[in-house]
N, C-alpha and C. Protein backbone atom coordinates (compact mmCIF):
# COMPACT_ATOMS: atom_id res chain seq x y z
N MET A 1 173.28 110.80 90.19
CA MET A 1 173.28 111.39 88.89
C MET A 1 172.83 110.34 87.85
N GLY A 2 172.70 110.77 86.64
CA GLY A 2 172.29 109.87 85.58
C GLY A 2 172.36 110.54 84.24
N GLN A 3 171.83 109.84 83.24
CA GLN A 3 171.83 110.41 81.91
C GLN A 3 170.64 109.87 81.11
N VAL A 4 170.23 110.63 80.12
CA VAL A 4 169.21 110.26 79.22
C VAL A 4 169.88 109.55 78.06
N VAL A 5 169.33 108.40 77.69
CA VAL A 5 169.86 107.56 76.57
C VAL A 5 168.78 107.44 75.55
N ILE A 6 169.13 107.66 74.28
CA ILE A 6 168.17 107.49 73.19
C ILE A 6 168.00 106.01 72.97
N THR A 7 166.82 105.49 73.21
CA THR A 7 166.41 104.10 72.95
C THR A 7 165.21 104.19 72.05
N ASP A 8 165.48 104.40 70.80
CA ASP A 8 164.47 104.75 69.79
C ASP A 8 163.70 103.57 69.23
N TYR A 9 163.48 102.56 70.01
CA TYR A 9 162.72 101.38 69.52
C TYR A 9 161.27 101.72 69.25
N HIS A 10 160.59 102.32 70.18
CA HIS A 10 159.16 102.56 70.11
C HIS A 10 158.85 103.71 69.13
N SER A 11 159.66 104.78 69.20
CA SER A 11 159.53 105.93 68.27
C SER A 11 160.91 106.63 68.24
N PRO A 12 161.13 107.47 67.27
CA PRO A 12 162.42 108.17 67.11
C PRO A 12 162.77 109.01 68.35
N ASP A 13 161.82 109.43 69.09
CA ASP A 13 162.08 110.31 70.25
C ASP A 13 162.01 109.55 71.59
N SER A 14 162.00 108.25 71.57
CA SER A 14 161.94 107.48 72.83
C SER A 14 163.30 107.53 73.50
N ILE A 15 163.23 107.57 74.86
CA ILE A 15 164.46 107.67 75.66
C ILE A 15 164.31 106.70 76.86
N SER A 16 165.45 106.47 77.47
CA SER A 16 165.53 105.76 78.74
C SER A 16 166.33 106.67 79.68
N LEU A 17 166.06 106.49 80.97
CA LEU A 17 166.82 107.21 82.00
C LEU A 17 167.69 106.18 82.63
N LEU A 18 169.03 106.41 82.57
CA LEU A 18 169.99 105.47 83.18
C LEU A 18 170.69 106.20 84.31
N LEU A 19 170.49 105.69 85.53
CA LEU A 19 171.14 106.29 86.69
C LEU A 19 172.55 105.70 86.89
N ASP A 20 173.42 106.41 87.59
CA ASP A 20 174.79 105.97 87.81
C ASP A 20 174.85 104.65 88.58
N ASN A 21 173.85 104.31 89.35
CA ASN A 21 173.84 103.08 90.12
C ASN A 21 173.37 101.88 89.29
N GLY A 22 173.11 102.04 88.01
CA GLY A 22 172.70 100.95 87.11
C GLY A 22 171.22 100.78 86.94
N GLU A 23 170.40 101.57 87.65
CA GLU A 23 169.00 101.52 87.47
C GLU A 23 168.60 102.25 86.19
N ALA A 24 167.69 101.64 85.39
CA ALA A 24 167.28 102.23 84.16
C ALA A 24 165.76 102.15 84.01
N ILE A 25 165.17 103.26 83.72
CA ILE A 25 163.74 103.34 83.40
C ILE A 25 163.71 103.34 81.87
N ILE A 26 163.15 102.24 81.29
CA ILE A 26 163.29 102.02 79.87
C ILE A 26 162.03 102.39 79.08
N GLY A 27 161.02 102.87 79.69
CA GLY A 27 159.82 103.25 78.94
C GLY A 27 159.23 102.13 78.15
N ASP A 28 159.06 102.33 76.85
CA ASP A 28 158.42 101.34 75.99
C ASP A 28 159.35 100.36 75.30
N LEU A 29 160.62 100.37 75.67
CA LEU A 29 161.53 99.35 75.13
C LEU A 29 161.13 97.99 75.63
N PRO A 30 160.89 96.99 74.76
CA PRO A 30 160.41 95.68 75.27
C PRO A 30 161.51 94.97 76.00
N PRO A 31 161.15 94.34 77.12
CA PRO A 31 162.12 93.45 77.78
C PRO A 31 162.64 92.42 76.78
N GLU A 32 163.88 92.01 76.95
CA GLU A 32 164.47 91.09 76.00
C GLU A 32 163.70 89.82 75.82
N GLY A 33 163.07 89.32 76.83
CA GLY A 33 162.32 88.09 76.70
C GLY A 33 161.01 88.24 75.94
N GLN A 34 160.62 89.50 75.66
CA GLN A 34 159.35 89.76 74.95
C GLN A 34 159.62 90.26 73.51
N MET A 35 160.85 90.27 73.06
CA MET A 35 161.11 90.75 71.70
C MET A 35 161.48 89.56 70.84
N LEU A 36 161.33 89.68 69.54
CA LEU A 36 161.69 88.66 68.61
C LEU A 36 163.22 88.48 68.57
N PRO A 37 163.73 87.31 68.41
CA PRO A 37 165.20 87.10 68.47
C PRO A 37 165.97 87.79 67.35
N ASP A 38 165.33 88.13 66.24
CA ASP A 38 166.00 88.78 65.12
C ASP A 38 165.69 90.30 65.07
N ASP A 39 165.13 90.85 66.12
CA ASP A 39 164.78 92.24 66.13
C ASP A 39 166.02 93.11 66.41
N GLN A 40 166.76 93.39 65.33
CA GLN A 40 168.01 94.09 65.46
C GLN A 40 167.91 95.47 66.08
N HIS A 41 166.81 96.13 65.85
CA HIS A 41 166.62 97.47 66.42
C HIS A 41 166.59 97.41 67.94
N ALA A 42 165.79 96.52 68.47
CA ALA A 42 165.70 96.33 69.93
C ALA A 42 167.02 95.81 70.48
N ILE A 43 167.66 94.88 69.79
CA ILE A 43 168.97 94.34 70.24
C ILE A 43 169.99 95.46 70.34
N ARG A 44 170.03 96.38 69.39
CA ARG A 44 170.97 97.52 69.47
C ARG A 44 170.67 98.38 70.68
N ASN A 45 169.41 98.64 70.98
CA ASN A 45 169.07 99.41 72.14
C ASN A 45 169.53 98.74 73.42
N TRP A 46 169.29 97.43 73.56
CA TRP A 46 169.71 96.68 74.72
C TRP A 46 171.23 96.62 74.85
N ASP A 47 171.89 96.42 73.70
CA ASP A 47 173.38 96.37 73.77
C ASP A 47 173.95 97.74 74.27
N LEU A 48 173.34 98.81 73.85
CA LEU A 48 173.77 100.14 74.28
C LEU A 48 173.57 100.30 75.78
N LEU A 49 172.40 99.96 76.27
CA LEU A 49 172.11 100.09 77.72
C LEU A 49 173.06 99.22 78.53
N ARG A 50 173.28 98.01 78.09
CA ARG A 50 174.19 97.08 78.80
C ARG A 50 175.61 97.70 78.81
N LYS A 51 176.07 98.19 77.69
CA LYS A 51 177.41 98.79 77.55
C LYS A 51 177.53 99.99 78.52
N MET A 52 176.46 100.71 78.68
CA MET A 52 176.48 101.89 79.54
C MET A 52 176.31 101.59 81.03
N GLY A 53 176.09 100.30 81.36
CA GLY A 53 176.04 99.89 82.75
C GLY A 53 174.63 99.63 83.35
N ALA A 54 173.62 99.53 82.49
CA ALA A 54 172.27 99.26 82.99
C ALA A 54 172.23 97.88 83.65
N ARG A 55 171.62 97.75 84.82
CA ARG A 55 171.51 96.46 85.51
C ARG A 55 170.09 96.22 86.08
N ASP A 56 169.53 97.16 86.73
CA ASP A 56 168.19 97.02 87.34
C ASP A 56 167.22 97.80 86.46
N ILE A 57 166.29 97.08 85.81
CA ILE A 57 165.49 97.63 84.72
C ILE A 57 164.03 97.81 85.18
N TYR A 58 163.50 98.98 84.87
CA TYR A 58 162.14 99.34 85.22
C TYR A 58 161.40 99.70 83.94
N PRO A 59 160.65 98.72 83.33
CA PRO A 59 159.89 98.98 82.11
C PRO A 59 158.54 99.64 82.46
N SER A 60 157.93 100.27 81.45
CA SER A 60 156.64 100.89 81.68
C SER A 60 155.51 99.85 81.76
N HIS A 61 155.64 98.72 81.05
CA HIS A 61 154.53 97.78 80.94
C HIS A 61 154.89 96.39 81.34
N ALA A 62 155.82 96.23 82.25
CA ALA A 62 156.25 94.89 82.73
C ALA A 62 156.83 95.08 84.15
N MET A 63 157.03 93.97 84.82
CA MET A 63 157.61 94.00 86.14
C MET A 63 159.14 94.35 86.07
N PRO A 64 159.68 95.00 87.02
CA PRO A 64 161.15 95.28 87.07
C PRO A 64 161.91 93.99 87.03
N PHE A 65 163.12 94.04 86.48
CA PHE A 65 163.99 92.86 86.48
C PHE A 65 165.45 93.31 86.48
N HIS A 66 166.34 92.32 86.75
CA HIS A 66 167.77 92.53 86.82
C HIS A 66 168.44 91.93 85.60
N LEU A 67 169.34 92.64 84.98
CA LEU A 67 170.15 92.12 83.87
C LEU A 67 171.36 91.38 84.48
N GLU A 68 171.54 90.15 84.03
CA GLU A 68 172.72 89.40 84.49
C GLU A 68 173.93 89.81 83.63
N GLU A 69 175.11 89.67 84.19
CA GLU A 69 176.34 90.03 83.46
C GLU A 69 176.49 89.25 82.21
N ASN A 70 176.14 87.98 82.16
CA ASN A 70 176.41 87.13 80.99
C ASN A 70 175.30 87.17 79.95
N GLU A 71 174.30 88.01 80.09
CA GLU A 71 173.20 88.03 79.09
C GLU A 71 173.69 88.76 77.85
């Protein structure tokens, strides 16, 4: 099972799919290493996904990666 999460970084209707096993398809949300350090909008989206249990990330325009617990 899983859930749709609003990750409105790219546009107000952007979403991510977060599965119960921690896999997340994030669409156009930029990977943390590709965003500016003061980009509060992207940081809020990443904080939400992390809080909800996202661990294995599948972006639309980058290679998949794993979120570490201490990030």
